[in-house]
Amino acid sequence: MSTEERWGGVEDVAAHLGVNKESIYRWIEKKGLPAHRVGRLFRFKLSAVDGWVRAGGTGDTPATEKRLDEDGEK
């Protein structure tokens, strides 16, 4: 049995990250969200998307991280 990661679509990534589909399309175009185009569709490896988010790909720092940084703890 193969343990290869499956490819997801825009809806899958939006649900995984808790954002709307428009954000996904915007991040592909302007922020370099790792995506592969298959015809008219975008396909993603969720592990690559997670790595992009961890590396600060969105350019947004979550409020909880900002709060921790202000307190001098992480």
PDB file of N, CA and C in Angstrom:
ATOM      1  N   MET A   1       0.845  -1.187   0.000  1.00  0.00           N
ATOM      2  CA  MET A   1       0.000   0.000   0.000  1.00  0.00           C
ATOM      3  C   MET A   1       0.885   1.242   0.000  1.00  0.00           C
ATOM      4  N   SER A   2       0.546   2.211  -0.810  1.00  0.00           N
ATOM      5  CA  SER A   2       1.344   3.420  -0.966  1.00  0.00           C
ATOM      6  C   SER A   2       0.980   4.460   0.097  1.00  0.00           C
ATOM      7  N   THR A   3       1.999   5.133   0.614  1.00  0.00           N
ATOM      8  CA  THR A   3       1.761   6.198   1.592  1.00  0.00           C
ATOM      9  C   THR A   3       1.989   7.566   0.962  1.00  0.00           C
ATOM     10  N   GLU A   4       1.960   7.618  -0.367  1.00  0.00           N
ATOM     11  CA  GLU A   4       2.176   8.868  -1.075  1.00  0.00           C
ATOM     12  C   GLU A   4       1.057   9.860  -0.760  1.00  0.00           C
ATOM     13  N   GLU A   5       1.441  11.098  -0.552  1.00  0.00           N
ATOM     14  CA  GLU A   5       0.466  12.152  -0.235  1.00  0.00           C
ATOM     15  C   GLU A   5      -0.392  12.455  -1.461  1.00  0.00           C
ATOM     16  N   ARG A   6      -1.675  12.602  -1.242  1.00  0.00           N
ATOM     17  CA  ARG A   6      -2.578  12.916  -2.359  1.00  0.00           C
ATOM     18  C   ARG A   6      -2.552  14.413  -2.669  1.00  0.00           C
ATOM     19  N   TRP A   7      -2.987  14.756  -3.855  1.00  0.00           N
ATOM     20  CA  TRP A   7      -3.088  16.152  -4.268  1.00  0.00           C
ATOM     21  C   TRP A   7      -4.452  16.683  -3.845  1.00  0.00           C
ATOM     22  N   GLY A   8      -4.502  17.949  -3.433  1.00  0.00           N
ATOM     23  CA  GLY A   8      -5.755  18.587  -3.054  1.00  0.00           C
ATOM     24  C   GLY A   8      -6.069  19.746  -3.983  1.00  0.00           C
ATOM     25  N   GLY A   9      -7.311  20.175  -3.956  1.00  0.00           N
ATOM     26  CA  GLY A   9      -7.741  21.307  -4.759  1.00  0.00           C
ATOM     27  C   GLY A   9      -7.846  22.573  -3.922  1.00  0.00           C
ATOM     28  N   VAL A  10      -8.283  23.642  -4.543  1.00  0.00           N
ATOM     29  CA  VAL A  10      -8.420  24.936  -3.875  1.00  0.00           C
ATOM     30  C   VAL A  10      -9.344  24.819  -2.669  1.00  0.00           C
ATOM     31  N   GLU A  11     -10.445  24.088  -2.828  1.00  0.00           N
ATOM     32  CA  GLU A  11     -11.390  23.924  -1.723  1.00  0.00           C
ATOM     33  C   GLU A  11     -10.745  23.204  -0.540  1.00  0.00           C
ATOM     34  N   ASP A  12      -9.945  22.190  -0.846  1.00  0.00           N
ATOM     35  CA  ASP A  12      -9.266  21.433   0.213  1.00  0.00           C
ATOM     36  C   ASP A  12      -8.297  22.325   0.992  1.00  0.00           C
ATOM     37  N   VAL A  13      -7.524  23.126   0.271  1.00  0.00           N
ATOM     38  CA  VAL A  13      -6.536  23.997   0.917  1.00  0.00           C
ATOM     39  C   VAL A  13      -7.240  25.088   1.721  1.00  0.00           C
ATOM     40  N   ALA A  14      -8.299  25.661   1.158  1.00  0.00           N
ATOM     41  CA  ALA A  14      -9.049  26.694   1.876  1.00  0.00           C
ATOM     42  C   ALA A  14      -9.611  26.135   3.186  1.00  0.00           C
ATOM     43  N   ALA A  15     -10.166  24.936   3.139  1.00  0.00           N
ATOM     44  CA  ALA A  15     -10.708  24.313   4.355  1.00  0.00           C
ATOM     45  C   ALA A  15      -9.584  23.988   5.332  1.00  0.00           C
ATOM     46  N   HIS A  16      -8.467  23.497   4.827  1.00  0.00           N
ATOM     47  CA  HIS A  16      -7.321  23.132   5.668  1.00  0.00           C
ATOM     48  C   HIS A  16      -6.781  24.348   6.420  1.00  0.00           C
ATOM     49  N   LEU A  17      -6.731  25.499   5.739  1.00  0.00           N
ATOM     50  CA  LEU A  17      -6.184  26.710   6.355  1.00  0.00           C
ATOM     51  C   LEU A  17      -7.250  27.571   7.025  1.00  0.00           C
ATOM     52  N   GLY A  18      -8.518  27.268   6.792  1.00  0.00           N
ATOM     53  CA  GLY A  18      -9.605  28.039   7.404  1.00  0.00           C
ATOM     54  C   GLY A  18      -9.779  29.412   6.790  1.00  0.00           C
ATOM     55  N   VAL A  19      -9.583  29.502   5.479  1.00  0.00           N
ATOM     56  CA  VAL A  19      -9.757  30.770   4.761  1.00  0.00           C
ATOM     57  C   VAL A  19     -10.690  30.534   3.575  1.00  0.00           C
ATOM     58  N   ASN A  20     -11.067  31.607   2.900  1.00  0.00           N
ATOM     59  CA  ASN A  20     -11.937  31.424   1.743  1.00  0.00           C
ATOM     60  C   ASN A  20     -11.116  31.178   0.474  1.00  0.00           C
ATOM     61  N   LYS A  21     -11.775  30.680  -0.565  1.00  0.00           N
ATOM     62  CA  LYS A  21     -11.092  30.324  -1.804  1.00  0.00           C
ATOM     63  C   LYS A  21     -10.415  31.522  -2.463  1.00  0.00           C
ATOM     64  N   GLU A  22     -11.016  32.696  -2.332  1.00  0.00           N
ATOM     65  CA  GLU A  22     -10.431  33.884  -2.944  1.00  0.00           C
ATOM     66  C   GLU A  22      -9.045  34.178  -2.371  1.00  0.00           C
ATOM     67  N   SER A  23      -8.862  33.918  -1.070  1.00  0.00           N
ATOM     68  CA  SER A  23      -7.547  34.107  -0.450  1.00  0.00           C
ATOM     69  C   SER A  23      -6.520  33.172  -1.078  1.00  0.00           C
ATOM     70  N   ILE A  24      -6.919  31.945  -1.349  1.00  0.00           N
ATOM     71  CA  ILE A  24      -6.005  30.975  -1.960  1.00  0.00           C
ATOM     72  C   ILE A  24      -5.562  31.470  -3.332  1.00  0.00           C
ATOM     73  N   TYR A  25      -6.503  31.897  -4.158  1.00  0.00           N
ATOM     74  CA  TYR A  25      -6.148  32.396  -5.489  1.00  0.00           C
ATOM     75  C   TYR A  25      -5.235  33.623  -5.392  1.00  0.00           C
ATOM     76  N   ARG A  26      -5.517  34.522  -4.461  1.00  0.00           N
ATOM     77  CA  ARG A  26      -4.700  35.724  -4.275  1.00  0.00           C
ATOM     78  C   ARG A  26      -3.289  35.355  -3.824  1.00  0.00           C
ATOM     79  N   TRP A  27      -3.171  34.386  -2.907  1.00  0.00           N
ATOM     80  CA  TRP A  27      -1.858  33.968  -2.411  1.00  0.00           C
ATOM     81  C   TRP A  27      -1.048  33.277  -3.507  1.00  0.00           C
ATOM     82  N   ILE A  28      -1.717  32.538  -4.397  1.00  0.00           N
ATOM     83  CA  ILE A  28      -1.006  31.919  -5.527  1.00  0.00           C
ATOM     84  C   ILE A  28      -0.390  33.013  -6.391  1.00  0.00           C
ATOM     85  N   GLU A  29      -1.204  34.012  -6.724  1.00  0.00           N
ATOM     86  CA  GLU A  29      -0.777  35.065  -7.644  1.00  0.00           C
ATOM     87  C   GLU A  29       0.245  36.017  -7.030  1.00  0.00           C
ATOM     88  N   LYS A  30       0.023  36.444  -5.791  1.00  0.00           N
ATOM     89  CA  LYS A  30       0.833  37.532  -5.235  1.00  0.00           C
ATOM     90  C   LYS A  30       1.871  37.099  -4.212  1.00  0.00           C
ATOM     91  N   LYS A  31       1.691  35.940  -3.596  1.00  0.00           N
ATOM     92  CA  LYS A  31       2.582  35.566  -2.495  1.00  0.00           C
ATOM     93  C   LYS A  31       3.320  34.257  -2.729  1.00  0.00           C
ATOM     94  N   GLY A  32       3.102  33.631  -3.879  1.00  0.00           N
ATOM     95  CA  GLY A  32       3.854  32.434  -4.208  1.00  0.00           C
ATOM     96  C   GLY A  32       3.421  31.156  -3.515  1.00  0.00           C
ATOM     97  N   LEU A  33       2.144  31.043  -3.184  1.00  0.00           N
ATOM     98  CA  LEU A  33       1.640  29.797  -2.597  1.00  0.00           C
ATOM     99  C   LEU A  33       1.971  28.655  -3.561  1.00  0.00           C
ATOM    100  N   PRO A  34       2.638  27.590  -3.077  1.00  0.00           N
ATOM    101  CA  PRO A  34       3.050  26.512  -3.981  1.00  0.00           C
ATOM    102  C   PRO A  34       1.855  25.751  -4.544  1.00  0.00           C
ATOM    103  N   ALA A  35       1.663  25.864  -5.846  1.00  0.00           N
ATOM    104  CA  ALA A  35       0.539  25.227  -6.528  1.00  0.00           C
ATOM    105  C   ALA A  35       1.003  24.741  -7.896  1.00  0.00           C
ATOM    106  N   HIS A  36       0.341  23.727  -8.390  1.00  0.00           N
ATOM    107  CA  HIS A  36       0.611  23.199  -9.722  1.00  0.00           C
ATOM    108  C   HIS A  36      -0.672  23.322 -10.527  1.00  0.00           C
ATOM    109  N   ARG A  37      -0.541  23.861 -11.724  1.00  0.00           N
ATOM    110  CA  ARG A  37      -1.714  24.027 -12.572  1.00  0.00           C
ATOM    111  C   ARG A  37      -1.884  22.784 -13.439  1.00  0.00           C
ATOM    112  N   VAL A  38      -3.078  22.222 -13.398  1.00  0.00           N
ATOM    113  CA  VAL A  38      -3.428  21.072 -14.216  1.00  0.00           C
ATOM    114  C   VAL A  38      -4.633  21.495 -15.045  1.00  0.00           C
ATOM    115  N   GLY A  39      -4.376  21.893 -16.284  1.00  0.00           N
ATOM    116  CA  GLY A  39      -5.443  22.466 -17.106  1.00  0.00           C
ATOM    117  C   GLY A  39      -5.887  23.783 -16.495  1.00  0.00           C
ATOM    118  N   ARG A  40      -7.152  23.882 -16.158  1.00  0.00           N
ATOM    119  CA  ARG A  40      -7.681  25.098 -15.532  1.00  0.00           C
ATOM    120  C   ARG A  40      -7.681  25.022 -14.014  1.00  0.00           C
ATOM    121  N   LEU A  41      -7.277  23.892 -13.456  1.00  0.00           N
ATOM    122  CA  LEU A  41      -7.357  23.669 -12.013  1.00  0.00           C
ATOM    123  C   LEU A  41      -5.998  23.808 -11.346  1.00  0.00           C
ATOM    124  N   PHE A  42      -5.998  24.208 -10.089  1.00  0.00           N
ATOM    125  CA  PHE A  42      -4.795  24.219  -9.278  1.00  0.00           C
ATOM    126  C   PHE A  42      -4.821  23.002  -8.374  1.00  0.00           C
ATOM    127  N   ARG A  43      -3.652  22.386  -8.200  1.00  0.00           N
ATOM    128  CA  ARG A  43      -3.507  21.246  -7.306  1.00  0.00           C
ATOM    129  C   ARG A  43      -2.370  21.529  -6.337  1.00  0.00           C
ATOM    130  N   PHE A  44      -2.502  21.017  -5.123  1.00  0.00           N
ATOM    131  CA  PHE A  44      -1.576  21.325  -4.039  1.00  0.00           C
ATOM    132  C   PHE A  44      -1.215  20.065  -3.275  1.00  0.00           C
ATOM    133  N   LYS A  45      -0.001  20.040  -2.740  1.00  0.00           N
ATOM    134  CA  LYS A  45       0.395  19.061  -1.734  1.00  0.00           C
ATOM    135  C   LYS A  45       0.254  19.806  -0.406  1.00  0.00           C
ATOM    136  N   LEU A  46      -0.566  19.292   0.501  1.00  0.00           N
ATOM    137  CA  LEU A  46      -0.812  19.997   1.754  1.00  0.00           C
ATOM    138  C   LEU A  46       0.470  20.177   2.566  1.00  0.00           C
ATOM    139  N   SER A  47       1.403  19.245   2.458  1.00  0.00           N
ATOM    140  CA  SER A  47       2.671  19.395   3.182  1.00  0.00           C
ATOM    141  C   SER A  47       3.453  20.602   2.667  1.00  0.00           C
ATOM    142  N   ALA A  48       3.400  20.864   1.359  1.00  0.00           N
ATOM    143  CA  ALA A  48       4.083  22.025   0.784  1.00  0.00           C
ATOM    144  C   ALA A  48       3.397  23.314   1.223  1.00  0.00           C
ATOM    145  N   VAL A  49       2.068  23.291   1.281  1.00  0.00           N
ATOM    146  CA  VAL A  49       1.311  24.460   1.735  1.00  0.00           C
ATOM    147  C   VAL A  49       1.631  24.747   3.202  1.00  0.00           C
ATOM    148  N   ASP A  50       1.667  23.707   4.030  1.00  0.00           N
ATOM    149  CA  ASP A  50       1.994  23.876   5.450  1.00  0.00           C
ATOM    150  C   ASP A  50       3.393  24.465   5.618  1.00  0.00           C
ATOM    151  N   GLY A  51       4.346  23.982   4.838  1.00  0.00           N
ATOM    152  CA  GLY A  51       5.705  24.513   4.900  1.00  0.00           C
ATOM    153  C   GLY A  51       5.763  25.973   4.498  1.00  0.00           C
ATOM    154  N   TRP A  52       4.990  26.339   3.490  1.00  0.00           N
ATOM    155  CA  TRP A  52       4.933  27.727   3.019  1.00  0.00           C
ATOM    156  C   TRP A  52       4.366  28.638   4.108  1.00  0.00           C
ATOM    157  N   VAL A  53       3.323  28.172   4.780  1.00  0.00           N
ATOM    158  CA  VAL A  53       2.723  28.961   5.860  1.00  0.00           C
ATOM    159  C   VAL A  53       3.716  29.117   7.008  1.00  0.00           C
ATOM    160  N   ARG A  54       4.365  28.015   7.415  1.00  0.00           N
ATOM    161  CA  ARG A  54       5.341  28.070   8.513  1.00  0.00           C
ATOM    162  C   ARG A  54       6.500  29.008   8.203  1.00  0.00           C
ATOM    163  N   ALA A  55       6.860  29.097   6.930  1.00  0.00           N
ATOM    164  CA  ALA A  55       7.966  29.958   6.514  1.00  0.00           C
ATOM    165  C   ALA A  55       7.542  31.422   6.399  1.00  0.00           C
ATOM    166  N   GLY A  56       6.275  31.709   6.695  1.00  0.00           N
ATOM    167  CA  GLY A  56       5.793  33.091   6.648  1.00  0.00           C
ATOM    168  C   GLY A  56       5.317  33.516   5.279  1.00  0.00           C
ATOM    169  N   GLY A  57       4.894  32.565   4.468  1.00  0.00           N
ATOM    170  CA  GLY A  57       4.473  32.845   3.102  1.00  0.00           C
ATOM    171  C   GLY A  57       3.324  33.818   2.970  1.00  0.00           C
ATOM    172  N   THR A  58       2.431  33.861   3.957  1.00  0.00           N
ATOM    173  CA  THR A  58       1.278  34.762   3.849  1.00  0.00           C
ATOM    174  C   THR A  58       1.683  36.200   4.121  1.00  0.00           C
ATOM    175  N   GLY A  59       2.814  36.388   4.795  1.00  0.00           N
ATOM    176  CA  GLY A  59       3.238  37.731   5.160  1.00  0.00           C
ATOM    177  C   GLY A  59       2.482  38.273   6.348  1.00  0.00           C
ATOM    178  N   ASP A  60       1.543  37.495   6.871  1.00  0.00           N
ATOM    179  CA  ASP A  60       0.741  37.893   8.028  1.00  0.00           C
ATOM    180  C   ASP A  60       1.235  37.134   9.247  1.00  0.00           C
ATOM    181  N   THR A  61       1.397  37.817  10.347  1.00  0.00           N
ATOM    182  CA  THR A  61       1.742  37.149  11.591  1.00  0.00           C
ATOM    183  C   THR A  61       0.455  36.960  12.372  1.00  0.00           C
ATOM    184  N   PRO A  62       0.122  35.724  12.719  1.00  0.00           N
ATOM    185  CA  PRO A  62      -1.114  35.503  13.480  1.00  0.00           C
ATOM    186  C   PRO A  62      -1.125  36.299  14.779  1.00  0.00           C
ATOM    187  N   ALA A  63      -2.309  36.698  15.203  1.00  0.00           N
ATOM    188  CA  ALA A  63      -2.457  37.529  16.400  1.00  0.00           C
ATOM    189  C   ALA A  63      -1.838  36.863  17.624  1.00  0.00           C
ATOM    190  N   THR A  64      -1.940  35.549  17.741  1.00  0.00           N
ATOM    191  CA  THR A  64      -1.376  34.876  18.916  1.00  0.00           C
ATOM    192  C   THR A  64       0.134  34.982  18.924  1.00  0.00           C
ATOM    193  N   GLU A  65       0.781  34.897  17.753  1.00  0.00           N
ATOM    194  CA  GLU A  65       2.235  35.038  17.701  1.00  0.00           C
ATOM    195  C   GLU A  65       2.648  36.460  18.029  1.00  0.00           C
ATOM    196  N   LYS A  66       1.898  37.451  17.536  1.00  0.00           N
ATOM    197  CA  LYS A  66       2.201  38.842  17.852  1.00  0.00           C
ATOM    198  C   LYS A  66       2.113  39.070  19.354  1.00  0.00           C
ATOM    199  N   ARG A  67       1.065  38.537  19.962  1.00  0.00           N
ATOM    200  CA  ARG A  67       0.863  38.714  21.393  1.00  0.00           C
ATOM    201  C   ARG A  67       2.017  38.069  22.177  1.00  0.00           C
ATOM    202  N   LEU A  68       2.447  36.879  21.771  1.00  0.00           N
ATOM    203  CA  LEU A  68       3.552  36.216  22.440  1.00  0.00           C
ATOM    204  C   LEU A  68       4.850  37.005  22.285  1.00  0.00           C
ATOM    205  N   ASP A  69       5.088  37.558  21.098  1.00  0.00           N
ATOM    206  CA  ASP A  69       6.292  38.338  20.862  1.00  0.00           C
ATOM    207  C   ASP A  69       6.309  39.594  21.732  1.00  0.00           C
ATOM    208  N   GLU A  70       5.172  40.241  21.884  1.00  0.00           N
ATOM    209  CA  GLU A  70       5.097  41.456  22.699  1.00  0.00           C
ATOM    210  C   GLU A  70       5.385  41.166  24.164  1.00  0.00           C
ATOM    211  N   ASP A  71       4.997  39.970  24.622  1.00  0.00           N
ATOM    212  CA  ASP A  71       5.254  39.573  26.007  1.00  0.00           C
ATOM    213  C   ASP A  71       6.675  39.088  26.212  1.00  0.00           C
ATOM    214  N   GLY A  72       7.415  38.948  25.118  1.00  0.00           N
ATOM    215  CA  GLY A  72       8.797  38.508  25.212  1.00  0.00           C
ATOM    216  C   GLY A  72       8.943  37.011  25.359  1.00  0.00           C
ATOM    217  N   GLU A  73       7.896  36.271  25.102  1.00  0.00           N
ATOM    218  CA  GLU A  73       7.934  34.817  25.180  1.00  0.00           C
ATOM    219  C   GLU A  73       7.494  34.222  23.861  1.00  0.00           C
ATOM    220  N   LYS A  74       7.883  32.982  23.653  1.00  0.00           N
ATOM    221  CA  LYS A  74       7.415  32.274  22.457  1.00  0.00           C
ATOM    222  C   LYS A  74       7.327  30.817  22.691  1.00  0.00           C
TER     223      LYS A  74
END
